[in-house]
């Protein structure tokens, strides 16, 4: 059995501004760098450290790897954030203005799709499309370390989608350096509990995909 600890990256400069990121590539803020260093102290010995290829995740992993003496830090592009399409770079007020009724907290009122969920723009990456790539990455990591612990630095939108797919929806928002355990045995996966690697009151919980 492989135990994967999926970890959301440190605060980026767009997190600090409240902007939805998607696959845009803003760097960590200074606070995000400090968060990554603090998170390293909460991690014990691991067999591998892997990150998304987006800068905010890769730099979080590089800081943790340097402190824990893990080299190399592996990169898995399929762990990159959901493509937020037209919403990338926008704050919630800007989304309310550009896409009226899209989000449940729109002051003008929520206008969901037929399934009762937000009617995302056509260029939004669906859960099915996201899972198609993320599942491959998770199974590959299980085969990389078939009996051990891996820390994977990824993104909130990816982690929410994994939780929904594996039967653990509606757990609320993930703060920076929030984490969730995932067990991988062959092609089978089981979602585990969440934990925080740093004090969540010092982190932001802005991430495309949470409504």
N, C-alpha and C. Protein backbone atom coordinates (compact mmCIF):
# COMPACT_ATOMS: atom_id res chain seq x y z
N UNK A 1 0.83 -1.19 0.00
CA UNK A 1 0.00 0.00 0.00
C UNK A 1 0.87 1.25 0.00
N UNK A 2 0.51 2.19 -0.85
CA UNK A 2 1.16 3.50 -0.87
C UNK A 2 0.28 4.50 -0.14
N UNK A 3 0.88 5.26 0.77
CA UNK A 3 0.16 6.34 1.43
C UNK A 3 0.62 7.65 0.82
N UNK A 4 -0.32 8.34 0.19
CA UNK A 4 -0.04 9.64 -0.41
C UNK A 4 -0.59 10.73 0.49
N UNK A 5 0.23 11.70 0.83
CA UNK A 5 -0.26 12.89 1.51
C UNK A 5 -0.33 14.00 0.47
N UNK A 6 -1.55 14.30 0.03
CA UNK A 6 -1.75 15.38 -0.93
C UNK A 6 -1.77 16.70 -0.17
N UNK A 7 -0.96 17.66 -0.61
CA UNK A 7 -0.78 18.91 0.13
C UNK A 7 -1.02 20.09 -0.80
N UNK A 8 -1.85 21.02 -0.35
CA UNK A 8 -2.03 22.25 -1.11
C UNK A 8 -0.81 23.15 -0.94
N UNK A 9 -0.41 23.81 -2.01
CA UNK A 9 0.77 24.68 -2.03
C UNK A 9 0.65 25.85 -1.05
N UNK A 10 1.76 26.54 -0.84
CA UNK A 10 1.76 27.76 -0.03
C UNK A 10 1.07 28.91 -0.74
N UNK A 11 0.86 29.97 0.01
CA UNK A 11 0.16 31.14 -0.53
C UNK A 11 0.90 31.73 -1.73
N UNK A 12 0.17 31.93 -2.82
CA UNK A 12 0.73 32.62 -3.99
C UNK A 12 0.34 34.09 -3.92
N UNK A 13 0.93 34.89 -4.79
CA UNK A 13 0.57 36.31 -4.80
C UNK A 13 -0.88 36.51 -5.26
N UNK A 14 -1.41 35.57 -6.04
CA UNK A 14 -2.82 35.67 -6.44
C UNK A 14 -3.74 35.20 -5.33
N UNK A 15 -3.32 34.23 -4.53
CA UNK A 15 -4.09 33.90 -3.33
C UNK A 15 -4.26 35.13 -2.46
N UNK A 16 -3.16 35.85 -2.28
CA UNK A 16 -3.19 37.04 -1.43
C UNK A 16 -4.14 38.09 -1.98
N UNK A 17 -4.28 38.15 -3.30
CA UNK A 17 -5.19 39.11 -3.94
C UNK A 17 -6.61 38.58 -4.09
N UNK A 18 -6.84 37.31 -3.75
CA UNK A 18 -8.16 36.72 -3.89
C UNK A 18 -8.51 36.39 -5.33
N UNK A 19 -7.50 36.09 -6.15
CA UNK A 19 -7.76 35.79 -7.57
C UNK A 19 -7.78 34.28 -7.81
N UNK A 20 -8.74 33.85 -8.61
CA UNK A 20 -8.79 32.45 -9.01
C UNK A 20 -7.65 32.18 -9.97
N UNK A 21 -6.95 31.08 -9.79
CA UNK A 21 -5.71 30.86 -10.51
C UNK A 21 -5.85 29.89 -11.68
N UNK A 22 -6.42 28.72 -11.41
CA UNK A 22 -6.44 27.72 -12.46
C UNK A 22 -5.01 27.37 -12.84
N UNK A 23 -4.73 27.32 -14.14
CA UNK A 23 -3.40 26.95 -14.60
C UNK A 23 -2.51 28.15 -14.90
N UNK A 24 -2.96 29.35 -14.51
CA UNK A 24 -2.05 30.48 -14.51
C UNK A 24 -0.93 30.19 -13.51
N UNK A 25 0.18 30.91 -13.61
CA UNK A 25 1.37 30.48 -12.89
C UNK A 25 2.00 31.58 -12.02
N UNK A 26 1.21 32.20 -11.14
CA UNK A 26 1.80 33.19 -10.24
C UNK A 26 2.72 32.52 -9.22
N UNK A 27 3.75 33.22 -8.76
CA UNK A 27 4.69 32.62 -7.80
C UNK A 27 4.16 32.67 -6.38
N UNK A 28 4.87 32.00 -5.48
CA UNK A 28 4.58 32.12 -4.06
C UNK A 28 4.81 33.54 -3.58
N UNK A 29 3.99 33.96 -2.64
CA UNK A 29 4.27 35.20 -1.93
C UNK A 29 5.37 34.93 -0.90
N UNK A 30 5.86 35.99 -0.28
CA UNK A 30 6.86 35.81 0.79
C UNK A 30 6.25 34.98 1.92
N UNK A 31 4.98 35.23 2.23
CA UNK A 31 4.33 34.44 3.27
C UNK A 31 4.20 32.98 2.83
N UNK A 32 3.95 32.75 1.55
CA UNK A 32 3.85 31.38 1.07
C UNK A 32 5.16 30.63 1.24
N UNK A 33 6.28 31.30 1.04
CA UNK A 33 7.57 30.68 1.25
C UNK A 33 7.77 30.33 2.73
N UNK A 34 7.34 31.23 3.61
CA UNK A 34 7.44 30.98 5.04
C UNK A 34 6.54 29.81 5.45
N UNK A 35 5.35 29.73 4.85
CA UNK A 35 4.43 28.63 5.14
C UNK A 35 5.04 27.28 4.75
N UNK A 36 5.68 27.25 3.58
CA UNK A 36 6.29 25.99 3.13
C UNK A 36 7.37 25.54 4.10
N UNK A 37 8.17 26.48 4.58
CA UNK A 37 9.22 26.14 5.54
C UNK A 37 8.62 25.63 6.84
N UNK A 38 7.54 26.25 7.29
CA UNK A 38 6.89 25.82 8.53
C UNK A 38 6.29 24.42 8.36
N UNK A 39 5.74 24.15 7.18
CA UNK A 39 5.12 22.84 6.93
C UNK A 39 6.14 21.71 6.98
N UNK A 40 7.36 21.99 6.56
CA UNK A 40 8.39 20.95 6.56
C UNK A 40 8.61 20.39 7.95
N UNK A 41 8.45 21.26 8.97
CA UNK A 41 8.66 20.82 10.34
C UNK A 41 7.59 19.83 10.79
N UNK A 42 6.43 19.83 10.11
CA UNK A 42 5.34 18.93 10.49
C UNK A 42 5.41 17.58 9.79
N UNK A 43 6.33 17.44 8.85
CA UNK A 43 6.44 16.21 8.09
C UNK A 43 7.56 15.33 8.64
N UNK A 44 7.30 14.07 8.73
CA UNK A 44 8.33 13.14 9.14
C UNK A 44 9.09 12.62 7.92
N UNK A 45 9.67 11.45 8.05
CA UNK A 45 10.41 10.84 6.96
C UNK A 45 9.45 10.36 5.89
N UNK A 46 9.74 10.68 4.65
CA UNK A 46 8.92 10.22 3.52
C UNK A 46 9.82 9.57 2.49
N UNK A 47 9.20 8.75 1.64
CA UNK A 47 9.99 8.02 0.65
C UNK A 47 10.15 8.77 -0.66
N UNK A 48 9.29 9.75 -0.90
CA UNK A 48 9.40 10.55 -2.12
C UNK A 48 8.61 11.83 -1.95
N UNK A 49 9.04 12.86 -2.66
CA UNK A 49 8.37 14.15 -2.68
C UNK A 49 8.15 14.53 -4.13
N UNK A 50 6.90 14.80 -4.49
CA UNK A 50 6.57 15.11 -5.88
C UNK A 50 5.69 16.35 -5.89
N UNK A 51 5.78 17.14 -6.97
CA UNK A 51 5.00 18.37 -7.06
C UNK A 51 4.37 18.51 -8.44
N UNK A 52 3.32 19.29 -8.48
CA UNK A 52 2.80 19.81 -9.75
C UNK A 52 3.89 20.62 -10.43
N UNK A 53 3.71 20.85 -11.73
CA UNK A 53 4.71 21.64 -12.46
C UNK A 53 4.47 23.14 -12.36
N UNK A 54 3.36 23.58 -11.75
CA UNK A 54 3.12 25.01 -11.62
C UNK A 54 4.01 25.59 -10.52
N UNK A 55 4.45 26.82 -10.71
CA UNK A 55 5.50 27.39 -9.88
C UNK A 55 5.16 27.39 -8.39
N UNK A 56 3.92 27.72 -8.05
CA UNK A 56 3.56 27.82 -6.64
C UNK A 56 3.67 26.47 -5.93
N UNK A 57 3.40 25.39 -6.65
CA UNK A 57 3.54 24.05 -6.07
C UNK A 57 5.00 23.60 -6.10
N UNK A 58 5.65 23.81 -7.24
CA UNK A 58 7.05 23.37 -7.37
C UNK A 58 7.95 24.07 -6.36
N UNK A 59 7.71 25.37 -6.12
CA UNK A 59 8.54 26.09 -5.16
C UNK A 59 8.23 25.67 -3.73
N UNK A 60 6.96 25.38 -3.45
CA UNK A 60 6.62 24.82 -2.13
C UNK A 60 7.38 23.52 -1.90
N UNK A 61 7.38 22.65 -2.91
CA UNK A 61 8.09 21.38 -2.79
C UNK A 61 9.60 21.56 -2.67
N UNK A 62 10.14 22.53 -3.41
CA UNK A 62 11.58 22.77 -3.35
C UNK A 62 12.02 23.21 -1.95
N UNK A 63 11.20 24.06 -1.33
CA UNK A 63 11.53 24.53 0.02
C UNK A 63 11.46 23.36 1.01
N UNK A 64 10.39 22.59 0.93
CA UNK A 64 10.25 21.43 1.82
C UNK A 64 11.37 20.42 1.59
N UNK A 65 11.67 20.15 0.32
CA UNK A 65 12.72 19.20 0.00
C UNK A 65 14.08 19.63 0.53
N UNK A 66 14.36 20.92 0.41
CA UNK A 66 15.65 21.43 0.89
C UNK A 66 15.78 21.27 2.40
N UNK A 67 14.71 21.56 3.13
CA UNK A 67 14.75 21.47 4.59
C UNK A 67 14.84 20.01 5.04
N UNK A 68 14.12 19.12 4.35
CA UNK A 68 14.12 17.71 4.75
C UNK A 68 15.25 16.90 4.12
N UNK A 69 16.01 17.52 3.23
CA UNK A 69 17.11 16.81 2.60
C UNK A 69 16.66 15.80 1.56
N UNK A 70 15.56 16.09 0.87
CA UNK A 70 15.04 15.18 -0.15
C UNK A 70 15.50 15.66 -1.52
N UNK A 71 16.19 14.79 -2.23
CA UNK A 71 16.71 15.14 -3.55
C UNK A 71 16.80 13.85 -4.38
N UNK A 72 16.16 13.81 -5.56
CA UNK A 72 15.48 14.93 -6.21
C UNK A 72 14.03 15.06 -5.75
N UNK A 73 13.46 16.25 -6.00
CA UNK A 73 12.02 16.45 -5.89
C UNK A 73 11.44 16.21 -7.28
N UNK A 74 10.54 15.26 -7.38
CA UNK A 74 9.99 14.87 -8.67
C UNK A 74 8.88 15.82 -9.10
N UNK A 75 8.67 15.92 -10.41
CA UNK A 75 7.63 16.79 -10.96
C UNK A 75 6.64 15.94 -11.74
N UNK A 76 5.35 16.10 -11.45
CA UNK A 76 4.28 15.38 -12.14
C UNK A 76 3.29 16.40 -12.71
N UNK A 77 3.41 16.74 -14.00
CA UNK A 77 2.55 17.77 -14.58
C UNK A 77 1.06 17.46 -14.48
N UNK A 78 0.68 16.19 -14.38
CA UNK A 78 -0.75 15.85 -14.32
C UNK A 78 -1.38 16.23 -12.98
N UNK A 79 -0.57 16.67 -12.01
CA UNK A 79 -1.09 17.16 -10.74
C UNK A 79 -1.34 18.66 -10.75
N UNK A 80 -1.20 19.29 -11.91
CA UNK A 80 -1.42 20.74 -11.97
C UNK A 80 -2.90 21.06 -11.74
N UNK A 81 -3.16 22.31 -11.38
CA UNK A 81 -4.50 22.75 -11.02
C UNK A 81 -5.48 22.60 -12.18
N UNK A 82 -6.76 22.54 -11.83
CA UNK A 82 -7.83 22.57 -12.82
C UNK A 82 -7.69 23.82 -13.70
N UNK A 83 -7.96 23.67 -14.98
CA UNK A 83 -7.99 24.81 -15.88
C UNK A 83 -9.27 25.60 -15.60
N UNK A 84 -9.12 26.81 -15.10
CA UNK A 84 -10.28 27.64 -14.75
C UNK A 84 -10.79 28.44 -15.93
N UNK A 85 -10.15 28.31 -17.08
CA UNK A 85 -10.64 28.97 -18.28
C UNK A 85 -10.81 30.47 -18.11
N UNK A 86 -11.97 30.97 -18.46
CA UNK A 86 -12.24 32.41 -18.46
C UNK A 86 -12.24 33.02 -17.06
N UNK A 87 -12.30 32.19 -16.03
CA UNK A 87 -12.32 32.70 -14.67
C UNK A 87 -10.92 32.96 -14.12
N UNK A 88 -9.91 32.46 -14.79
CA UNK A 88 -8.54 32.60 -14.30
C UNK A 88 -8.16 34.07 -14.20
N UNK A 89 -7.64 34.46 -13.05
CA UNK A 89 -7.19 35.82 -12.81
C UNK A 89 -8.24 36.74 -12.24
N UNK A 90 -9.48 36.27 -12.12
CA UNK A 90 -10.57 37.12 -11.64
C UNK A 90 -10.79 36.95 -10.14
N UNK A 91 -11.17 38.03 -9.47
CA UNK A 91 -11.64 37.95 -8.09
C UNK A 91 -13.12 37.58 -8.11
N UNK A 92 -13.66 37.22 -6.95
CA UNK A 92 -15.08 36.88 -6.89
C UNK A 92 -15.96 38.05 -7.35
N UNK A 93 -15.72 39.30 -6.90
CA UNK A 93 -16.55 40.40 -7.41
C UNK A 93 -16.46 40.54 -8.93
N UNK A 94 -15.28 40.30 -9.49
CA UNK A 94 -15.14 40.38 -10.94
C UNK A 94 -15.90 39.25 -11.64
N UNK A 95 -15.93 38.07 -11.01
CA UNK A 95 -16.70 36.96 -11.57
C UNK A 95 -18.20 37.28 -11.52
N UNK A 96 -18.65 37.87 -10.41
CA UNK A 96 -20.06 38.24 -10.32
C UNK A 96 -20.45 39.21 -11.44
N UNK A 97 -19.53 40.10 -11.77
CA UNK A 97 -19.82 41.09 -12.80
C UNK A 97 -19.76 40.49 -14.20
N UNK A 98 -18.73 39.68 -14.45
CA UNK A 98 -18.53 39.14 -15.80
C UNK A 98 -19.43 37.94 -16.10
N UNK A 99 -19.79 37.19 -15.04
CA UNK A 99 -20.61 35.97 -15.21
C UNK A 99 -21.76 36.01 -14.20
N UNK A 100 -22.75 36.88 -14.43
CA UNK A 100 -23.84 37.04 -13.45
C UNK A 100 -24.55 35.72 -13.16
N UNK A 101 -24.74 35.45 -11.87
CA UNK A 101 -25.47 34.26 -11.45
C UNK A 101 -24.67 32.98 -11.46
N UNK A 102 -23.37 33.04 -11.77
CA UNK A 102 -22.57 31.82 -11.86
C UNK A 102 -22.36 31.19 -10.49
N UNK A 103 -22.04 32.00 -9.48
CA UNK A 103 -21.69 31.50 -8.16
C UNK A 103 -22.83 31.71 -7.17
N UNK A 104 -23.00 30.77 -6.23
CA UNK A 104 -24.10 30.87 -5.27
C UNK A 104 -24.10 32.12 -4.42
N UNK A 105 -22.93 32.75 -4.23
CA UNK A 105 -22.89 33.95 -3.40
C UNK A 105 -23.04 35.23 -4.20
N UNK A 106 -23.46 35.13 -5.48
CA UNK A 106 -23.68 36.32 -6.30
C UNK A 106 -24.80 37.16 -5.68
N UNK A 107 -24.54 38.43 -5.36
CA UNK A 107 -25.60 39.27 -4.77
C UNK A 107 -26.84 39.38 -5.65
N UNK A 108 -26.67 39.20 -6.96
CA UNK A 108 -27.81 39.30 -7.87
C UNK A 108 -28.60 38.00 -7.95
N UNK A 109 -28.11 36.95 -7.30
CA UNK A 109 -28.81 35.67 -7.31
C UNK A 109 -28.06 34.61 -8.09
N UNK A 110 -28.22 33.36 -7.66
CA UNK A 110 -27.55 32.22 -8.25
C UNK A 110 -28.44 31.61 -9.33
N UNK A 111 -27.87 31.37 -10.52
CA UNK A 111 -28.61 30.75 -11.60
C UNK A 111 -27.87 29.46 -12.02
N UNK A 112 -28.14 28.34 -11.34
CA UNK A 112 -27.39 27.11 -11.61
C UNK A 112 -27.81 26.46 -12.91
N UNK A 113 -27.02 25.46 -13.33
CA UNK A 113 -27.38 24.65 -14.47
C UNK A 113 -28.45 23.65 -14.10
N UNK A 114 -28.79 22.78 -15.03
CA UNK A 114 -29.86 21.82 -14.81
C UNK A 114 -29.56 20.85 -13.67
N UNK A 115 -28.28 20.63 -13.38
CA UNK A 115 -27.92 19.71 -12.31
C UNK A 115 -27.87 20.38 -10.94
N UNK A 116 -28.19 21.67 -10.90
CA UNK A 116 -28.17 22.39 -9.65
C UNK A 116 -26.83 22.97 -9.27
N UNK A 117 -25.79 22.68 -10.06
CA UNK A 117 -24.45 23.18 -9.81
C UNK A 117 -24.16 24.38 -10.72
N UNK A 118 -23.11 25.12 -10.42
CA UNK A 118 -22.78 26.26 -11.28
C UNK A 118 -22.66 25.86 -12.74
N UNK A 119 -23.13 26.70 -13.60
CA UNK A 119 -23.07 26.46 -15.04
C UNK A 119 -21.75 27.05 -15.56
N UNK A 120 -20.67 26.28 -15.36
CA UNK A 120 -19.33 26.78 -15.63
C UNK A 120 -19.15 27.16 -17.10
N UNK A 121 -18.26 28.11 -17.39
CA UNK A 121 -17.97 28.45 -18.80
C UNK A 121 -17.48 27.24 -19.58
N UNK A 122 -17.60 27.32 -20.89
CA UNK A 122 -17.24 26.18 -21.75
C UNK A 122 -15.77 25.80 -21.62
N UNK A 123 -14.91 26.75 -21.26
CA UNK A 123 -13.48 26.46 -21.17
C UNK A 123 -13.05 26.05 -19.76
N UNK A 124 -14.01 25.79 -18.87
CA UNK A 124 -13.72 25.27 -17.53
C UNK A 124 -13.45 23.77 -17.62
N UNK A 125 -12.39 23.29 -16.99
CA UNK A 125 -12.07 21.86 -17.02
C UNK A 125 -13.02 21.10 -16.09
N UNK A 126 -13.75 20.17 -16.64
CA UNK A 126 -14.74 19.43 -15.87
C UNK A 126 -14.08 18.46 -14.90
N UNK A 127 -14.85 18.00 -13.92
CA UNK A 127 -14.34 16.98 -13.00
C UNK A 127 -13.91 15.72 -13.74
N UNK A 128 -14.68 15.32 -14.75
CA UNK A 128 -14.34 14.10 -15.49
C UNK A 128 -13.01 14.25 -16.22
N UNK A 129 -12.81 15.40 -16.86
CA UNK A 129 -11.55 15.62 -17.58
C UNK A 129 -10.38 15.73 -16.61
N UNK A 130 -10.60 16.41 -15.49
CA UNK A 130 -9.53 16.53 -14.50
C UNK A 130 -9.17 15.16 -13.93
N UNK A 131 -10.19 14.37 -13.59
CA UNK A 131 -9.93 13.05 -13.02
C UNK A 131 -9.19 12.14 -13.99
N UNK A 132 -9.47 12.28 -15.28
CA UNK A 132 -8.83 11.41 -16.28
C UNK A 132 -7.32 11.54 -16.21
N UNK A 133 -6.81 12.74 -15.96
CA UNK A 133 -5.34 12.90 -15.88
C UNK A 133 -4.81 12.65 -14.48
N UNK A 134 -5.57 13.10 -13.47
CA UNK A 134 -5.09 12.96 -12.10
C UNK A 134 -5.04 11.49 -11.68
N UNK A 135 -6.02 10.70 -12.10
CA UNK A 135 -6.02 9.28 -11.75
C UNK A 135 -4.76 8.59 -12.26
N UNK A 136 -4.35 8.92 -13.48
CA UNK A 136 -3.12 8.33 -14.04
C UNK A 136 -1.93 8.68 -13.17
N UNK A 137 -1.87 9.95 -12.73
CA UNK A 137 -0.76 10.39 -11.90
C UNK A 137 -0.73 9.65 -10.57
N UNK A 138 -1.89 9.48 -9.94
CA UNK A 138 -1.94 8.84 -8.63
C UNK A 138 -1.56 7.36 -8.70
N UNK A 139 -2.06 6.68 -9.73
CA UNK A 139 -1.70 5.27 -9.90
C UNK A 139 -0.20 5.13 -10.17
N UNK A 140 0.35 6.05 -10.98
CA UNK A 140 1.78 6.01 -11.28
C UNK A 140 2.61 6.23 -10.02
N UNK A 141 2.17 7.12 -9.14
CA UNK A 141 2.90 7.35 -7.90
C UNK A 141 2.83 6.11 -7.00
N UNK A 142 1.69 5.43 -7.01
CA UNK A 142 1.58 4.19 -6.25
C UNK A 142 2.56 3.14 -6.72
N UNK A 143 2.79 3.10 -8.03
CA UNK A 143 3.74 2.12 -8.58
C UNK A 143 5.18 2.56 -8.34
N UNK A 144 5.38 3.89 -8.24
CA UNK A 144 6.73 4.39 -7.96
C UNK A 144 7.21 3.96 -6.58
N UNK A 145 6.31 4.06 -5.60
CA UNK A 145 6.62 3.64 -4.23
C UNK A 145 5.49 2.71 -3.79
N UNK A 146 5.59 1.42 -4.12
CA UNK A 146 4.47 0.51 -3.88
C UNK A 146 4.22 0.21 -2.41
N UNK A 147 5.14 0.56 -1.55
CA UNK A 147 4.94 0.32 -0.12
C UNK A 147 5.70 1.39 0.64
N UNK A 148 5.05 2.55 0.83
CA UNK A 148 5.72 3.65 1.49
C UNK A 148 4.88 4.89 1.47
N UNK A 149 5.50 6.02 1.86
CA UNK A 149 4.80 7.30 2.00
C UNK A 149 5.35 8.31 1.00
N UNK A 150 4.44 9.00 0.32
CA UNK A 150 4.79 10.04 -0.64
C UNK A 150 4.07 11.32 -0.26
N UNK A 151 4.76 12.45 -0.31
CA UNK A 151 4.12 13.76 -0.20
C UNK A 151 4.01 14.33 -1.60
N UNK A 152 2.79 14.73 -1.98
CA UNK A 152 2.54 15.29 -3.31
C UNK A 152 1.98 16.70 -3.15
N UNK A 153 2.74 17.70 -3.61
CA UNK A 153 2.30 19.09 -3.52
C UNK A 153 1.47 19.41 -4.75
N UNK A 154 0.20 19.71 -4.52
CA UNK A 154 -0.71 19.95 -5.63
C UNK A 154 -1.58 21.17 -5.33
N UNK A 155 -2.86 21.13 -5.67
CA UNK A 155 -3.70 22.33 -5.66
C UNK A 155 -5.07 22.02 -5.09
N UNK A 156 -5.71 23.05 -4.54
CA UNK A 156 -7.01 22.87 -3.93
C UNK A 156 -8.04 22.28 -4.86
N UNK A 157 -8.13 22.80 -6.08
CA UNK A 157 -9.13 22.30 -7.02
C UNK A 157 -8.95 20.83 -7.32
N UNK A 158 -7.71 20.39 -7.42
CA UNK A 158 -7.42 18.97 -7.65
C UNK A 158 -7.86 18.15 -6.44
N UNK A 159 -7.56 18.64 -5.25
CA UNK A 159 -7.86 17.89 -4.03
C UNK A 159 -9.37 17.79 -3.80
N UNK A 160 -10.11 18.88 -4.06
CA UNK A 160 -11.56 18.82 -3.92
C UNK A 160 -12.16 17.80 -4.89
N UNK A 161 -11.65 17.80 -6.13
CA UNK A 161 -12.18 16.88 -7.14
C UNK A 161 -11.89 15.42 -6.75
N UNK A 162 -10.70 15.16 -6.20
CA UNK A 162 -10.36 13.81 -5.75
C UNK A 162 -11.30 13.39 -4.62
N UNK A 163 -11.53 14.28 -3.67
CA UNK A 163 -12.43 13.96 -2.56
C UNK A 163 -13.83 13.63 -3.07
N UNK A 164 -14.34 14.44 -3.99
CA UNK A 164 -15.67 14.17 -4.53
C UNK A 164 -15.72 12.82 -5.23
N UNK A 165 -14.70 12.55 -6.04
CA UNK A 165 -14.67 11.30 -6.81
C UNK A 165 -14.64 10.08 -5.90
N UNK A 166 -13.94 10.21 -4.77
CA UNK A 166 -13.74 9.07 -3.88
C UNK A 166 -14.71 9.06 -2.70
N UNK A 167 -15.77 9.89 -2.80
CA UNK A 167 -16.86 9.79 -1.84
C UNK A 167 -16.74 10.60 -0.58
N UNK A 168 -15.93 11.68 -0.60
CA UNK A 168 -15.81 12.52 0.59
C UNK A 168 -16.07 13.98 0.22
N UNK A 169 -17.30 14.30 -0.22
CA UNK A 169 -17.59 15.68 -0.63
C UNK A 169 -17.86 16.58 0.57
N UNK A 170 -17.93 17.89 0.30
CA UNK A 170 -18.41 18.87 1.27
C UNK A 170 -17.61 18.89 2.56
N UNK A 171 -16.30 18.85 2.44
CA UNK A 171 -15.46 18.95 3.62
C UNK A 171 -15.06 20.39 3.92
N UNK A 172 -15.53 21.33 3.12
CA UNK A 172 -15.16 22.72 3.33
C UNK A 172 -13.87 23.07 2.60
N UNK A 173 -13.42 24.29 2.82
CA UNK A 173 -12.26 24.79 2.11
C UNK A 173 -10.96 24.29 2.69
N UNK A 174 -9.98 24.18 1.81
CA UNK A 174 -8.62 23.84 2.21
C UNK A 174 -7.78 25.11 2.28
N UNK A 175 -7.11 25.31 3.40
CA UNK A 175 -6.18 26.42 3.51
C UNK A 175 -4.84 26.04 2.88
N UNK A 176 -3.97 27.03 2.69
CA UNK A 176 -2.62 26.73 2.22
C UNK A 176 -1.96 25.74 3.16
N UNK A 177 -1.29 24.74 2.59
CA UNK A 177 -0.66 23.65 3.30
C UNK A 177 -1.66 22.78 4.06
N UNK A 178 -2.94 22.87 3.68
CA UNK A 178 -3.89 21.85 4.10
C UNK A 178 -3.59 20.57 3.33
N UNK A 179 -3.92 19.43 3.93
CA UNK A 179 -3.52 18.15 3.34
C UNK A 179 -4.63 17.12 3.51
N UNK A 180 -4.56 16.07 2.71
CA UNK A 180 -5.48 14.95 2.84
C UNK A 180 -4.74 13.66 2.52
N UNK A 181 -4.99 12.63 3.31
CA UNK A 181 -4.37 11.33 3.07
C UNK A 181 -5.13 10.55 2.01
N UNK A 182 -4.38 9.83 1.20
CA UNK A 182 -4.96 8.97 0.18
C UNK A 182 -4.16 7.68 0.14
N UNK A 183 -4.86 6.53 0.23
CA UNK A 183 -4.20 5.23 0.13
C UNK A 183 -4.39 4.68 -1.27
N UNK A 184 -3.31 4.16 -1.85
CA UNK A 184 -3.35 3.60 -3.20
C UNK A 184 -2.85 2.16 -3.13
N UNK A 185 -3.70 1.24 -3.59
CA UNK A 185 -3.33 -0.18 -3.69
C UNK A 185 -3.65 -0.61 -5.12
N UNK A 186 -2.63 -0.76 -5.95
CA UNK A 186 -2.86 -1.05 -7.36
C UNK A 186 -3.60 0.09 -8.01
N UNK A 187 -4.78 -0.19 -8.57
CA UNK A 187 -5.60 0.84 -9.19
C UNK A 187 -6.70 1.34 -8.25
N UNK A 188 -6.72 0.84 -7.02
CA UNK A 188 -7.77 1.21 -6.08
C UNK A 188 -7.28 2.31 -5.13
N UNK A 189 -8.17 3.26 -4.83
CA UNK A 189 -7.82 4.38 -3.96
C UNK A 189 -8.87 4.57 -2.88
N UNK A 190 -8.40 4.96 -1.71
CA UNK A 190 -9.29 5.24 -0.58
C UNK A 190 -8.90 6.58 0.01
N UNK A 191 -9.88 7.47 0.13
CA UNK A 191 -9.60 8.79 0.68
C UNK A 191 -9.56 8.69 2.20
N UNK A 192 -8.66 9.44 2.81
CA UNK A 192 -8.50 9.43 4.25
C UNK A 192 -8.81 10.79 4.85
N UNK A 193 -8.37 11.01 6.07
CA UNK A 193 -8.68 12.27 6.76
C UNK A 193 -7.83 13.44 6.25
N UNK A 194 -8.33 14.61 6.55
CA UNK A 194 -7.58 15.83 6.30
C UNK A 194 -6.74 16.19 7.53
N UNK A 195 -5.72 17.01 7.28
CA UNK A 195 -4.96 17.61 8.36
C UNK A 195 -4.35 18.91 7.88
N UNK A 196 -3.91 19.73 8.81
CA UNK A 196 -3.25 21.00 8.47
C UNK A 196 -1.79 20.92 8.89
N UNK A 197 -0.90 21.24 7.97
CA UNK A 197 0.53 21.22 8.28
C UNK A 197 0.99 22.52 8.93
N UNK A 198 0.18 23.57 8.82
CA UNK A 198 0.46 24.83 9.50
C UNK A 198 -0.83 25.32 10.14
N UNK A 199 -0.75 26.33 10.94
CA UNK A 199 -1.94 26.92 11.56
C UNK A 199 -2.84 27.48 10.46
N UNK A 200 -4.05 26.94 10.27
CA UNK A 200 -4.90 27.39 9.17
C UNK A 200 -5.33 28.85 9.28
N UNK A 201 -5.24 29.43 10.48
CA UNK A 201 -5.63 30.83 10.62
C UNK A 201 -4.59 31.76 10.00
N UNK A 202 -3.42 31.23 9.67
CA UNK A 202 -2.37 32.04 9.04
C UNK A 202 -2.34 31.83 7.52
N UNK A 203 -3.34 31.11 7.00
CA UNK A 203 -3.33 30.74 5.58
C UNK A 203 -4.60 31.22 4.91
N UNK A 204 -4.57 31.29 3.59
CA UNK A 204 -5.74 31.67 2.82
C UNK A 204 -6.41 30.43 2.25
N UNK A 205 -7.70 30.56 1.97
CA UNK A 205 -8.48 29.42 1.47
C UNK A 205 -9.10 29.74 0.12
N UNK A 206 -8.46 30.61 -0.65
CA UNK A 206 -8.97 30.98 -1.97
C UNK A 206 -8.43 30.00 -3.00
N UNK A 207 -9.32 29.39 -3.73
CA UNK A 207 -8.88 28.47 -4.78
C UNK A 207 -10.03 28.26 -5.77
N UNK A 208 -9.74 28.37 -7.03
CA UNK A 208 -10.76 28.08 -8.02
C UNK A 208 -11.32 26.68 -7.80
N UNK A 209 -12.63 26.56 -7.81
CA UNK A 209 -13.35 25.30 -7.67
C UNK A 209 -14.13 25.24 -6.36
N UNK A 210 -13.87 26.10 -5.39
CA UNK A 210 -14.69 26.11 -4.20
C UNK A 210 -15.72 27.21 -4.34
N UNK A 211 -16.98 26.92 -4.04
CA UNK A 211 -18.04 27.89 -4.23
C UNK A 211 -18.70 28.23 -2.90
